[in-house]
Amino acid sequence: MAKVIITKELKDKIDGGEDFYLIDALSPDSFEARHIPGAKNVQNGQEFLSQFEEQVKAAKDAEIVIYCSSATCMASVQAAATLEKAGYTNVAHYKDGLAGWQDAGYKFEGEAVNQ
């Protein structure tokens, strides 16, 4: 089971310039509209692992944080489990997702943000 992190922990990692991979497990359309700064988009689904390995090229022991839309969205939980089954050893799930980030008043990147 992936470690769970909260909004403040993720914000501190980003602000501190920590070396980790932030993965948005939602659709490309959702990602283009808005995402947490610094995130890469790898949509959860049958091709998640192959797309993750092709696009992200993270080492098996790299720190990886995955999120989706909110605490009730299961895409990031499933994606984190997929990575752990594939041998990734430092996977965290940001359970509050986009909703938690917004509730905290933090900024997003994406097309919807720039309008």
PDB file of N, CA and C in Angstrom:
ATOM      1  N   MET A   1       0.848  -1.196   0.000  1.00  0.00           N
ATOM      2  CA  MET A   1       0.000   0.000   0.000  1.00  0.00           C
ATOM      3  C   MET A   1       0.883   1.245   0.000  1.00  0.00           C
ATOM      4  N   ALA A   2       0.626   2.111  -0.919  1.00  0.00           N
ATOM      5  CA  ALA A   2       1.418   3.336  -1.043  1.00  0.00           C
ATOM      6  C   ALA A   2       1.225   4.224   0.183  1.00  0.00           C
ATOM      7  N   LYS A   3       2.279   4.921   0.536  1.00  0.00           N
ATOM      8  CA  LYS A   3       2.215   5.910   1.602  1.00  0.00           C
ATOM      9  C   LYS A   3       1.262   7.016   1.155  1.00  0.00           C
ATOM     10  N   VAL A   4       0.543   7.606   2.104  1.00  0.00           N
ATOM     11  CA  VAL A   4      -0.377   8.702   1.801  1.00  0.00           C
ATOM     12  C   VAL A   4       0.229   9.996   2.309  1.00  0.00           C
ATOM     13  N   ILE A   5       0.207  11.029   1.454  1.00  0.00           N
ATOM     14  CA  ILE A   5       0.675  12.339   1.903  1.00  0.00           C
ATOM     15  C   ILE A   5      -0.460  13.343   1.809  1.00  0.00           C
ATOM     16  N   ILE A   6      -0.352  14.410   2.579  1.00  0.00           N
ATOM     17  CA  ILE A   6      -1.387  15.436   2.614  1.00  0.00           C
ATOM     18  C   ILE A   6      -0.907  16.679   1.866  1.00  0.00           C
ATOM     19  N   THR A   7      -1.815  17.621   1.700  1.00  0.00           N
ATOM     20  CA  THR A   7      -1.551  18.825   0.915  1.00  0.00           C
ATOM     21  C   THR A   7      -0.297  19.561   1.383  1.00  0.00           C
ATOM     22  N   LYS A   8      -0.166  19.789   2.667  1.00  0.00           N
ATOM     23  CA  LYS A   8       0.987  20.530   3.185  1.00  0.00           C
ATOM     24  C   LYS A   8       2.301  19.815   2.855  1.00  0.00           C
ATOM     25  N   GLU A   9       2.320  18.497   2.970  1.00  0.00           N
ATOM     26  CA  GLU A   9       3.540  17.746   2.655  1.00  0.00           C
ATOM     27  C   GLU A   9       3.926  17.923   1.184  1.00  0.00           C
ATOM     28  N   LEU A  10       2.934  17.854   0.294  1.00  0.00           N
ATOM     29  CA  LEU A  10       3.229  18.016  -1.123  1.00  0.00           C
ATOM     30  C   LEU A  10       3.702  19.436  -1.418  1.00  0.00           C
ATOM     31  N   LYS A  11       3.032  20.424  -0.859  1.00  0.00           N
ATOM     32  CA  LYS A  11       3.427  21.818  -1.068  1.00  0.00           C
ATOM     33  C   LYS A  11       4.854  22.047  -0.576  1.00  0.00           C
ATOM     34  N   ASP A  12       5.196  21.495   0.579  1.00  0.00           N
ATOM     35  CA  ASP A  12       6.548  21.634   1.126  1.00  0.00           C
ATOM     36  C   ASP A  12       7.590  20.989   0.208  1.00  0.00           C
ATOM     37  N   LYS A  13       7.260  19.837  -0.380  1.00  0.00           N
ATOM     38  CA  LYS A  13       8.175  19.157  -1.312  1.00  0.00           C
ATOM     39  C   LYS A  13       8.433  20.037  -2.542  1.00  0.00           C
ATOM     40  N   ILE A  14       7.348  20.594  -3.085  1.00  0.00           N
ATOM     41  CA  ILE A  14       7.477  21.433  -4.279  1.00  0.00           C
ATOM     42  C   ILE A  14       8.265  22.697  -3.947  1.00  0.00           C
ATOM     43  N   ASP A  15       7.873  23.372  -2.878  1.00  0.00           N
ATOM     44  CA  ASP A  15       8.544  24.622  -2.493  1.00  0.00           C
ATOM     45  C   ASP A  15      10.008  24.401  -2.120  1.00  0.00           C
ATOM     46  N   GLY A  16      10.299  23.230  -1.569  1.00  0.00           N
ATOM     47  CA  GLY A  16      11.667  22.921  -1.158  1.00  0.00           C
ATOM     48  C   GLY A  16      12.540  22.432  -2.298  1.00  0.00           C
ATOM     49  N   GLY A  17      11.960  22.298  -3.494  1.00  0.00           N
ATOM     50  CA  GLY A  17      12.734  21.848  -4.642  1.00  0.00           C
ATOM     51  C   GLY A  17      13.188  20.404  -4.542  1.00  0.00           C
ATOM     52  N   GLU A  18      12.441  19.598  -3.801  1.00  0.00           N
ATOM     53  CA  GLU A  18      12.817  18.186  -3.655  1.00  0.00           C
ATOM     54  C   GLU A  18      12.781  17.476  -4.997  1.00  0.00           C
ATOM     55  N   ASP A  19      13.600  16.456  -5.116  1.00  0.00           N
ATOM     56  CA  ASP A  19      13.718  15.688  -6.349  1.00  0.00           C
ATOM     57  C   ASP A  19      12.734  14.520  -6.297  1.00  0.00           C
ATOM     58  N   PHE A  20      11.593  14.689  -6.967  1.00  0.00           N
ATOM     59  CA  PHE A  20      10.601  13.624  -7.016  1.00  0.00           C
ATOM     60  C   PHE A  20       9.763  13.794  -8.275  1.00  0.00           C
ATOM     61  N   TYR A  21       9.032  12.740  -8.616  1.00  0.00           N
ATOM     62  CA  TYR A  21       8.150  12.769  -9.776  1.00  0.00           C
ATOM     63  C   TYR A  21       6.722  12.962  -9.291  1.00  0.00           C
ATOM     64  N   LEU A  22       6.044  13.958  -9.833  1.00  0.00           N
ATOM     65  CA  LEU A  22       4.650  14.224  -9.505  1.00  0.00           C
ATOM     66  C   LEU A  22       3.811  13.822 -10.709  1.00  0.00           C
ATOM     67  N   ILE A  23       2.915  12.859 -10.502  1.00  0.00           N
ATOM     68  CA  ILE A  23       2.154  12.281 -11.609  1.00  0.00           C
ATOM     69  C   ILE A  23       0.658  12.539 -11.427  1.00  0.00           C
ATOM     70  N   ASP A  24       0.056  13.131 -12.448  1.00  0.00           N
ATOM     71  CA  ASP A  24      -1.384  13.358 -12.519  1.00  0.00           C
ATOM     72  C   ASP A  24      -1.969  12.157 -13.260  1.00  0.00           C
ATOM     73  N   ALA A  25      -2.840  11.390 -12.592  1.00  0.00           N
ATOM     74  CA  ALA A  25      -3.384  10.160 -13.176  1.00  0.00           C
ATOM     75  C   ALA A  25      -4.706  10.367 -13.904  1.00  0.00           C
ATOM     76  N   LEU A  26      -5.075  11.618 -14.134  1.00  0.00           N
ATOM     77  CA  LEU A  26      -6.333  11.932 -14.810  1.00  0.00           C
ATOM     78  C   LEU A  26      -6.154  11.986 -16.333  1.00  0.00           C
ATOM     79  N   SER A  27      -7.221  12.275 -17.042  1.00  0.00           N
ATOM     80  CA  SER A  27      -7.181  12.304 -18.507  1.00  0.00           C
ATOM     81  C   SER A  27      -6.330  13.467 -19.018  1.00  0.00           C
ATOM     82  N   PRO A  28      -5.819  13.349 -20.242  1.00  0.00           N
ATOM     83  CA  PRO A  28      -5.065  14.463 -20.827  1.00  0.00           C
ATOM     84  C   PRO A  28      -5.872  15.763 -20.881  1.00  0.00           C
ATOM     85  N   ASP A  29      -7.178  15.675 -21.141  1.00  0.00           N
ATOM     86  CA  ASP A  29      -8.011  16.884 -21.173  1.00  0.00           C
ATOM     87  C   ASP A  29      -8.051  17.562 -19.812  1.00  0.00           C
ATOM     88  N   SER A  30      -8.212  16.770 -18.775  1.00  0.00           N
ATOM     89  CA  SER A  30      -8.214  17.318 -17.416  1.00  0.00           C
ATOM     90  C   SER A  30      -6.866  17.962 -17.106  1.00  0.00           C
ATOM     91  N   PHE A  31      -5.791  17.263 -17.481  1.00  0.00           N
ATOM     92  CA  PHE A  31      -4.442  17.766 -17.218  1.00  0.00           C
ATOM     93  C   PHE A  31      -4.205  19.094 -17.933  1.00  0.00           C
ATOM     94  N   GLU A  32      -4.631  19.183 -19.205  1.00  0.00           N
ATOM     95  CA  GLU A  32      -4.437  20.423 -19.960  1.00  0.00           C
ATOM     96  C   GLU A  32      -5.215  21.573 -19.341  1.00  0.00           C
ATOM     97  N   ALA A  33      -6.378  21.290 -18.784  1.00  0.00           N
ATOM     98  CA  ALA A  33      -7.205  22.333 -18.171  1.00  0.00           C
ATOM     99  C   ALA A  33      -6.536  22.866 -16.910  1.00  0.00           C
ATOM    100  N   ARG A  34      -6.108  21.963 -16.019  1.00  0.00           N
ATOM    101  CA  ARG A  34      -5.406  22.399 -14.807  1.00  0.00           C
ATOM    102  C   ARG A  34      -4.717  21.221 -14.140  1.00  0.00           C
ATOM    103  N   HIS A  35      -3.555  21.515 -13.600  1.00  0.00           N
ATOM    104  CA  HIS A  35      -2.793  20.507 -12.870  1.00  0.00           C
ATOM    105  C   HIS A  35      -1.880  21.194 -11.863  1.00  0.00           C
ATOM    106  N   ILE A  36      -1.385  20.417 -10.939  1.00  0.00           N
ATOM    107  CA  ILE A  36      -0.475  20.946  -9.931  1.00  0.00           C
ATOM    108  C   ILE A  36       0.856  21.248 -10.619  1.00  0.00           C
ATOM    109  N   PRO A  37       1.462  22.409 -10.342  1.00  0.00           N
ATOM    110  CA  PRO A  37       2.722  22.781 -10.998  1.00  0.00           C
ATOM    111  C   PRO A  37       3.794  21.693 -10.884  1.00  0.00           C
ATOM    112  N   GLY A  38       4.412  21.416 -12.031  1.00  0.00           N
ATOM    113  CA  GLY A  38       5.487  20.431 -12.072  1.00  0.00           C
ATOM    114  C   GLY A  38       5.046  19.009 -12.356  1.00  0.00           C
ATOM    115  N   ALA A  39       3.738  18.793 -12.430  1.00  0.00           N
ATOM    116  CA  ALA A  39       3.231  17.436 -12.651  1.00  0.00           C
ATOM    117  C   ALA A  39       3.414  16.995 -14.097  1.00  0.00           C
ATOM    118  N   LYS A  40       3.513  15.677 -14.263  1.00  0.00           N
ATOM    119  CA  LYS A  40       3.490  15.040 -15.578  1.00  0.00           C
ATOM    120  C   LYS A  40       2.181  14.255 -15.651  1.00  0.00           C
ATOM    121  N   ASN A  41       1.634  14.129 -16.837  1.00  0.00           N
ATOM    122  CA  ASN A  41       0.367  13.422 -17.008  1.00  0.00           C
ATOM    123  C   ASN A  41       0.582  12.024 -17.537  1.00  0.00           C
ATOM    124  N   VAL A  42       0.157  11.029 -16.755  1.00  0.00           N
ATOM    125  CA  VAL A  42       0.117   9.644 -17.206  1.00  0.00           C
ATOM    126  C   VAL A  42      -1.236   9.108 -16.746  1.00  0.00           C
ATOM    127  N   GLN A  43      -2.160   8.996 -17.676  1.00  0.00           N
ATOM    128  CA  GLN A  43      -3.527   8.607 -17.325  1.00  0.00           C
ATOM    129  C   GLN A  43      -3.581   7.184 -16.806  1.00  0.00           C
ATOM    130  N   ASN A  44      -4.315   6.999 -15.711  1.00  0.00           N
ATOM    131  CA  ASN A  44      -4.524   5.659 -15.180  1.00  0.00           C
ATOM    132  C   ASN A  44      -5.353   4.843 -16.171  1.00  0.00           C
ATOM    133  N   GLY A  45      -5.020   3.577 -16.287  1.00  0.00           N
ATOM    134  CA  GLY A  45      -5.744   2.689 -17.194  1.00  0.00           C
ATOM    135  C   GLY A  45      -4.870   1.498 -17.528  1.00  0.00           C
ATOM    136  N   GLN A  46      -5.305   0.714 -18.501  1.00  0.00           N
ATOM    137  CA  GLN A  46      -4.587  -0.512 -18.853  1.00  0.00           C
ATOM    138  C   GLN A  46      -3.153  -0.258 -19.297  1.00  0.00           C
ATOM    139  N   GLU A  47      -2.904   0.873 -19.933  1.00  0.00           N
ATOM    140  CA  GLU A  47      -1.576   1.188 -20.454  1.00  0.00           C
ATOM    141  C   GLU A  47      -0.748   2.039 -19.489  1.00  0.00           C
ATOM    142  N   PHE A  48      -1.225   2.233 -18.254  1.00  0.00           N
ATOM    143  CA  PHE A  48      -0.553   3.149 -17.335  1.00  0.00           C
ATOM    144  C   PHE A  48       0.920   2.803 -17.152  1.00  0.00           C
ATOM    145  N   LEU A  49       1.233   1.558 -16.827  1.00  0.00           N
ATOM    146  CA  LEU A  49       2.620   1.196 -16.525  1.00  0.00           C
ATOM    147  C   LEU A  49       3.534   1.416 -17.723  1.00  0.00           C
ATOM    148  N   SER A  50       3.133   0.965 -18.900  1.00  0.00           N
ATOM    149  CA  SER A  50       4.004   1.133 -20.079  1.00  0.00           C
ATOM    150  C   SER A  50       4.158   2.619 -20.419  1.00  0.00           C
ATOM    151  N   GLN A  51       3.081   3.399 -20.292  1.00  0.00           N
ATOM    152  CA  GLN A  51       3.185   4.832 -20.570  1.00  0.00           C
ATOM    153  C   GLN A  51       4.061   5.526 -19.525  1.00  0.00           C
ATOM    154  N   PHE A  52       3.908   5.131 -18.264  1.00  0.00           N
ATOM    155  CA  PHE A  52       4.722   5.717 -17.206  1.00  0.00           C
ATOM    156  C   PHE A  52       6.201   5.447 -17.485  1.00  0.00           C
ATOM    157  N   GLU A  53       6.537   4.199 -17.772  1.00  0.00           N
ATOM    158  CA  GLU A  53       7.940   3.839 -17.996  1.00  0.00           C
ATOM    159  C   GLU A  53       8.502   4.527 -19.232  1.00  0.00           C
ATOM    160  N   GLU A  54       7.692   4.691 -20.262  1.00  0.00           N
ATOM    161  CA  GLU A  54       8.136   5.335 -21.496  1.00  0.00           C
ATOM    162  C   GLU A  54       8.311   6.846 -21.317  1.00  0.00           C
ATOM    163  N   GLN A  55       7.370   7.489 -20.650  1.00  0.00           N
ATOM    164  CA  GLN A  55       7.385   8.947 -20.532  1.00  0.00           C
ATOM    165  C   GLN A  55       8.223   9.468 -19.369  1.00  0.00           C
ATOM    166  N   VAL A  56       8.174   8.780 -18.234  1.00  0.00           N
ATOM    167  CA  VAL A  56       8.794   9.303 -17.020  1.00  0.00           C
ATOM    168  C   VAL A  56      10.217   8.785 -16.823  1.00  0.00           C
ATOM    169  N   LYS A  57      10.431   7.523 -17.159  1.00  0.00           N
ATOM    170  CA  LYS A  57      11.762   6.916 -17.052  1.00  0.00           C
ATOM    171  C   LYS A  57      12.367   7.059 -15.644  1.00  0.00           C
ATOM    172  N   ALA A  58      11.543   6.824 -14.637  1.00  0.00           N
ATOM    173  CA  ALA A  58      11.995   6.925 -13.245  1.00  0.00           C
ATOM    174  C   ALA A  58      12.680   5.629 -12.819  1.00  0.00           C
ATOM    175  N   ALA A  59      13.704   5.776 -11.979  1.00  0.00           N
ATOM    176  CA  ALA A  59      14.349   4.606 -11.383  1.00  0.00           C
ATOM    177  C   ALA A  59      13.363   3.931 -10.426  1.00  0.00           C
ATOM    178  N   LYS A  60      13.545   2.643 -10.190  1.00  0.00           N
ATOM    179  CA  LYS A  60      12.618   1.898  -9.326  1.00  0.00           C
ATOM    180  C   LYS A  60      12.592   2.440  -7.896  1.00  0.00           C
ATOM    181  N   ASP A  61      13.671   3.103  -7.461  1.00  0.00           N
ATOM    182  CA  ASP A  61      13.700   3.637  -6.091  1.00  0.00           C
ATOM    183  C   ASP A  61      13.439   5.146  -6.031  1.00  0.00           C
ATOM    184  N   ALA A  62      13.081   5.755  -7.156  1.00  0.00           N
ATOM    185  CA  ALA A  62      12.795   7.193  -7.188  1.00  0.00           C
ATOM    186  C   ALA A  62      11.525   7.489  -6.411  1.00  0.00           C
ATOM    187  N   GLU A  63      11.458   8.688  -5.835  1.00  0.00           N
ATOM    188  CA  GLU A  63      10.238   9.097  -5.141  1.00  0.00           C
ATOM    189  C   GLU A  63       9.201   9.532  -6.173  1.00  0.00           C
ATOM    190  N   ILE A  64       8.014   8.932  -6.067  1.00  0.00           N
ATOM    191  CA  ILE A  64       6.930   9.200  -7.006  1.00  0.00           C
ATOM    192  C   ILE A  64       5.676   9.536  -6.198  1.00  0.00           C
ATOM    193  N   VAL A  65       5.050  10.667  -6.521  1.00  0.00           N
ATOM    194  CA  VAL A  65       3.796  11.064  -5.878  1.00  0.00           C
ATOM    195  C   VAL A  65       2.722  11.115  -6.958  1.00  0.00           C
ATOM    196  N   ILE A  66       1.616  10.406  -6.716  1.00  0.00           N
ATOM    197  CA  ILE A  66       0.538  10.321  -7.697  1.00  0.00           C
ATOM    198  C   ILE A  66      -0.729  10.937  -7.113  1.00  0.00           C
ATOM    199  N   TYR A  67      -1.450  11.695  -7.956  1.00  0.00           N
ATOM    200  CA  TYR A  67      -2.724  12.260  -7.509  1.00  0.00           C
ATOM    201  C   TYR A  67      -3.765  12.177  -8.612  1.00  0.00           C
ATOM    202  N   CYS A  68      -5.029  12.393  -8.217  1.00  0.00           N
ATOM    203  CA  CYS A  68      -6.112  12.536  -9.189  1.00  0.00           C
ATOM    204  C   CYS A  68      -7.005  13.693  -8.742  1.00  0.00           C
ATOM    205  N   SER A  69      -8.314  13.564  -8.829  1.00  0.00           N
ATOM    206  CA  SER A  69      -9.162  14.743  -8.606  1.00  0.00           C
ATOM    207  C   SER A  69      -9.478  15.034  -7.145  1.00  0.00           C
ATOM    208  N   SER A  70      -9.688  13.997  -6.334  1.00  0.00           N
ATOM    209  CA  SER A  70     -10.102  14.231  -4.949  1.00  0.00           C
ATOM    210  C   SER A  70      -9.921  12.957  -4.129  1.00  0.00           C
ATOM    211  N   ALA A  71     -10.274  13.032  -2.863  1.00  0.00           N
ATOM    212  CA  ALA A  71     -10.141  11.878  -1.977  1.00  0.00           C
ATOM    213  C   ALA A  71     -11.055  10.723  -2.388  1.00  0.00           C
ATOM    214  N   THR A  72     -12.107  11.000  -3.157  1.00  0.00           N
ATOM    215  CA  THR A  72     -13.019   9.939  -3.572  1.00  0.00           C
ATOM    216  C   THR A  72     -12.661   9.337  -4.929  1.00  0.00           C
ATOM    217  N   CYS A  73     -11.716   9.943  -5.619  1.00  0.00           N
ATOM    218  CA  CYS A  73     -11.262   9.439  -6.924  1.00  0.00           C
ATOM    219  C   CYS A  73     -10.282   8.285  -6.679  1.00  0.00           C
ATOM    220  N   MET A  74     -10.447   7.205  -7.407  1.00  0.00           N
ATOM    221  CA  MET A  74      -9.598   6.030  -7.186  1.00  0.00           C
ATOM    222  C   MET A  74      -8.480   5.877  -8.218  1.00  0.00           C
ATOM    223  N   ALA A  75      -8.403   6.759  -9.200  1.00  0.00           N
ATOM    224  CA  ALA A  75      -7.397   6.621 -10.259  1.00  0.00           C
ATOM    225  C   ALA A  75      -5.980   6.618  -9.691  1.00  0.00           C
ATOM    226  N   SER A  76      -5.694   7.500  -8.755  1.00  0.00           N
ATOM    227  CA  SER A  76      -4.330   7.573  -8.221  1.00  0.00           C
ATOM    228  C   SER A  76      -4.024   6.389  -7.311  1.00  0.00           C
ATOM    229  N   VAL A  77      -5.029   5.887  -6.606  1.00  0.00           N
ATOM    230  CA  VAL A  77      -4.832   4.705  -5.761  1.00  0.00           C
ATOM    231  C   VAL A  77      -4.457   3.514  -6.649  1.00  0.00           C
ATOM    232  N   GLN A  78      -5.202   3.343  -7.737  1.00  0.00           N
ATOM    233  CA  GLN A  78      -4.943   2.235  -8.665  1.00  0.00           C
ATOM    234  C   GLN A  78      -3.582   2.386  -9.339  1.00  0.00           C
ATOM    235  N   ALA A  79      -3.252   3.612  -9.749  1.00  0.00           N
ATOM    236  CA  ALA A  79      -1.969   3.846 -10.408  1.00  0.00           C
ATOM    237  C   ALA A  79      -0.806   3.570  -9.452  1.00  0.00           C
ATOM    238  N   ALA A  80      -0.938   4.003  -8.202  1.00  0.00           N
ATOM    239  CA  ALA A  80       0.111   3.745  -7.213  1.00  0.00           C
ATOM    240  C   ALA A  80       0.285   2.251  -6.991  1.00  0.00           C
ATOM    241  N   ALA A  81      -0.807   1.528  -6.907  1.00  0.00           N
ATOM    242  CA  ALA A  81      -0.735   0.076  -6.722  1.00  0.00           C
ATOM    243  C   ALA A  81      -0.059  -0.591  -7.919  1.00  0.00           C
ATOM    244  N   THR A  82      -0.347  -0.114  -9.116  1.00  0.00           N
ATOM    245  CA  THR A  82       0.278  -0.659 -10.328  1.00  0.00           C
ATOM    246  C   THR A  82       1.793  -0.476 -10.271  1.00  0.00           C
ATOM    247  N   LEU A  83       2.245   0.704  -9.863  1.00  0.00           N
ATOM    248  CA  LEU A  83       3.687   0.954  -9.774  1.00  0.00           C
ATOM    249  C   LEU A  83       4.338   0.074  -8.711  1.00  0.00           C
ATOM    250  N   GLU A  84       3.676  -0.064  -7.582  1.00  0.00           N
ATOM    251  CA  GLU A  84       4.254  -0.898  -6.523  1.00  0.00           C
ATOM    252  C   GLU A  84       4.365  -2.354  -6.976  1.00  0.00           C
ATOM    253  N   LYS A  85       3.349  -2.856  -7.674  1.00  0.00           N
ATOM    254  CA  LYS A  85       3.396  -4.237  -8.189  1.00  0.00           C
ATOM    255  C   LYS A  85       4.535  -4.405  -9.185  1.00  0.00           C
ATOM    256  N   ALA A  86       4.870  -3.316  -9.888  1.00  0.00           N
ATOM    257  CA  ALA A  86       5.936  -3.362 -10.890  1.00  0.00           C
ATOM    258  C   ALA A  86       7.325  -3.186 -10.261  1.00  0.00           C
ATOM    259  N   GLY A  87       7.380  -3.028  -8.946  1.00  0.00           N
ATOM    260  CA  GLY A  87       8.676  -2.964  -8.271  1.00  0.00           C
ATOM    261  C   GLY A  87       9.152  -1.582  -7.872  1.00  0.00           C
ATOM    262  N   TYR A  88       8.319  -0.564  -8.044  1.00  0.00           N
ATOM    263  CA  TYR A  88       8.695   0.776  -7.582  1.00  0.00           C
ATOM    264  C   TYR A  88       8.539   0.806  -6.059  1.00  0.00           C
ATOM    265  N   THR A  89       9.552   1.309  -5.376  1.00  0.00           N
ATOM    266  CA  THR A  89       9.617   1.141  -3.924  1.00  0.00           C
ATOM    267  C   THR A  89       9.334   2.408  -3.115  1.00  0.00           C
ATOM    268  N   ASN A  90       9.172   3.556  -3.766  1.00  0.00           N
ATOM    269  CA  ASN A  90       8.998   4.808  -3.033  1.00  0.00           C
ATOM    270  C   ASN A  90       7.827   5.599  -3.626  1.00  0.00           C
ATOM    271  N   VAL A  91       6.638   4.978  -3.572  1.00  0.00           N
ATOM    272  CA  VAL A  91       5.446   5.562  -4.179  1.00  0.00           C
ATOM    273  C   VAL A  91       4.549   6.139  -3.091  1.00  0.00           C
ATOM    274  N   ALA A  92       4.091   7.369  -3.308  1.00  0.00           N
ATOM    275  CA  ALA A  92       3.158   8.001  -2.378  1.00  0.00           C
ATOM    276  C   ALA A  92       1.902   8.424  -3.132  1.00  0.00           C
ATOM    277  N   HIS A  93       0.805   8.432  -2.411  1.00  0.00           N
ATOM    278  CA  HIS A  93      -0.494   8.823  -2.963  1.00  0.00           C
ATOM    279  C   HIS A  93      -0.911  10.128  -2.299  1.00  0.00           C
ATOM    280  N   TYR A  94      -1.087  11.171  -3.108  1.00  0.00           N
ATOM    281  CA  TYR A  94      -1.594  12.449  -2.595  1.00  0.00           C
ATOM    282  C   TYR A  94      -3.114  12.370  -2.689  1.00  0.00           C
ATOM    283  N   LYS A  95      -3.734  11.962  -1.588  1.00  0.00           N
ATOM    284  CA  LYS A  95      -5.147  11.602  -1.612  1.00  0.00           C
ATOM    285  C   LYS A  95      -6.104  12.767  -1.831  1.00  0.00           C
ATOM    286  N   ASP A  96      -5.726  13.981  -1.450  1.00  0.00           N
ATOM    287  CA  ASP A  96      -6.643  15.110  -1.572  1.00  0.00           C
ATOM    288  C   ASP A  96      -6.768  15.604  -3.011  1.00  0.00           C
ATOM    289  N   GLY A  97      -5.781  15.321  -3.831  1.00  0.00           N
ATOM    290  CA  GLY A  97      -5.827  15.634  -5.252  1.00  0.00           C
ATOM    291  C   GLY A  97      -6.085  17.095  -5.577  1.00  0.00           C
ATOM    292  N   LEU A  98      -6.628  17.316  -6.770  1.00  0.00           N
ATOM    293  CA  LEU A  98      -6.885  18.680  -7.237  1.00  0.00           C
ATOM    294  C   LEU A  98      -7.809  19.437  -6.285  1.00  0.00           C
ATOM    295  N   ALA A  99      -8.792  18.752  -5.724  1.00  0.00           N
ATOM    296  CA  ALA A  99      -9.738  19.407  -4.816  1.00  0.00           C
ATOM    297  C   ALA A  99      -9.025  19.922  -3.567  1.00  0.00           C
ATOM    298  N   GLY A 100      -8.141  19.119  -3.002  1.00  0.00           N
ATOM    299  CA  GLY A 100      -7.403  19.538  -1.814  1.00  0.00           C
ATOM    300  C   GLY A 100      -6.453  20.686  -2.095  1.00  0.00           C
ATOM    301  N   TRP A 101      -5.829  20.631  -3.265  1.00  0.00           N
ATOM    302  CA  TRP A 101      -4.912  21.700  -3.679  1.00  0.00           C
ATOM    303  C   TRP A 101      -5.676  23.016  -3.810  1.00  0.00           C
ATOM    304  N   GLN A 102      -6.847  22.940  -4.444  1.00  0.00           N
ATOM    305  CA  GLN A 102      -7.687  24.131  -4.624  1.00  0.00           C
ATOM    306  C   GLN A 102      -8.191  24.642  -3.273  1.00  0.00           C
ATOM    307  N   ASP A 103      -8.655  23.736  -2.414  1.00  0.00           N
ATOM    308  CA  ASP A 103      -9.169  24.129  -1.098  1.00  0.00           C
ATOM    309  C   ASP A 103      -8.112  24.858  -0.275  1.00  0.00           C
ATOM    310  N   ALA A 104      -6.842  24.496  -0.478  1.00  0.00           N
ATOM    311  CA  ALA A 104      -5.749  25.140   0.253  1.00  0.00           C
ATOM    312  C   ALA A 104      -5.387  26.502  -0.341  1.00  0.00           C
ATOM    313  N   GLY A 105      -5.977  26.816  -1.508  1.00  0.00           N
ATOM    314  CA  GLY A 105      -5.721  28.109  -2.133  1.00  0.00           C
ATOM    315  C   GLY A 105      -4.462  28.162  -2.974  1.00  0.00           C
ATOM    316  N   TYR A 106      -3.906  26.984  -3.326  1.00  0.00           N
ATOM    317  CA  TYR A 106      -2.678  26.951  -4.113  1.00  0.00           C
ATOM    318  C   TYR A 106      -2.979  27.082  -5.594  1.00  0.00           C
ATOM    319  N   LYS A 107      -2.003  27.545  -6.330  1.00  0.00           N
ATOM    320  CA  LYS A 107      -2.156  27.817  -7.761  1.00  0.00           C
ATOM    321  C   LYS A 107      -1.994  26.538  -8.588  1.00  0.00           C
ATOM    322  N   PHE A 108      -2.632  26.563  -9.763  1.00  0.00           N
ATOM    323  CA  PHE A 108      -2.541  25.488 -10.755  1.00  0.00           C
ATOM    324  C   PHE A 108      -1.828  26.001 -11.989  1.00  0.00           C
ATOM    325  N   GLU A 109      -1.438  25.065 -12.837  1.00  0.00           N
ATOM    326  CA  GLU A 109      -0.971  25.366 -14.190  1.00  0.00           C
ATOM    327  C   GLU A 109      -2.009  24.785 -15.140  1.00  0.00           C
ATOM    328  N   GLY A 110      -2.065  25.307 -16.365  1.00  0.00           N
ATOM    329  CA  GLY A 110      -2.969  24.742 -17.374  1.00  0.00           C
ATOM    330  C   GLY A 110      -3.773  25.813 -18.076  1.00  0.00           C
ATOM    331  N   GLU A 111      -4.471  25.385 -19.135  1.00  0.00           N
ATOM    332  CA  GLU A 111      -5.215  26.308 -19.986  1.00  0.00           C
ATOM    333  C   GLU A 111      -6.319  27.051 -19.230  1.00  0.00           C
ATOM    334  N   ALA A 112      -7.058  26.364 -18.387  1.00  0.00           N
ATOM    335  CA  ALA A 112      -8.167  26.997 -17.672  1.00  0.00           C
ATOM    336  C   ALA A 112      -7.673  28.068 -16.708  1.00  0.00           C
ATOM    337  N   VAL A 113      -6.458  27.906 -16.231  1.00  0.00           N
ATOM    338  CA  VAL A 113      -5.878  28.835 -15.275  1.00  0.00           C
ATOM    339  C   VAL A 113      -5.485  30.138 -15.961  1.00  0.00           C
ATOM    340  N   ASN A 114      -5.082  30.052 -17.215  1.00  0.00           N
ATOM    341  CA  ASN A 114      -4.521  31.207 -17.924  1.00  0.00           C
ATOM    342  C   ASN A 114      -5.578  32.036 -18.646  1.00  0.00           C
ATOM    343  N   GLN A 115      -6.839  31.694 -18.488  1.00  0.00           N
ATOM    344  CA  GLN A 115      -7.896  32.431 -19.182  1.00  0.00           C
ATOM    345  C   GLN A 115      -8.355  33.623 -18.381  1.00  0.00           C
TER     346      GLN A 115
END
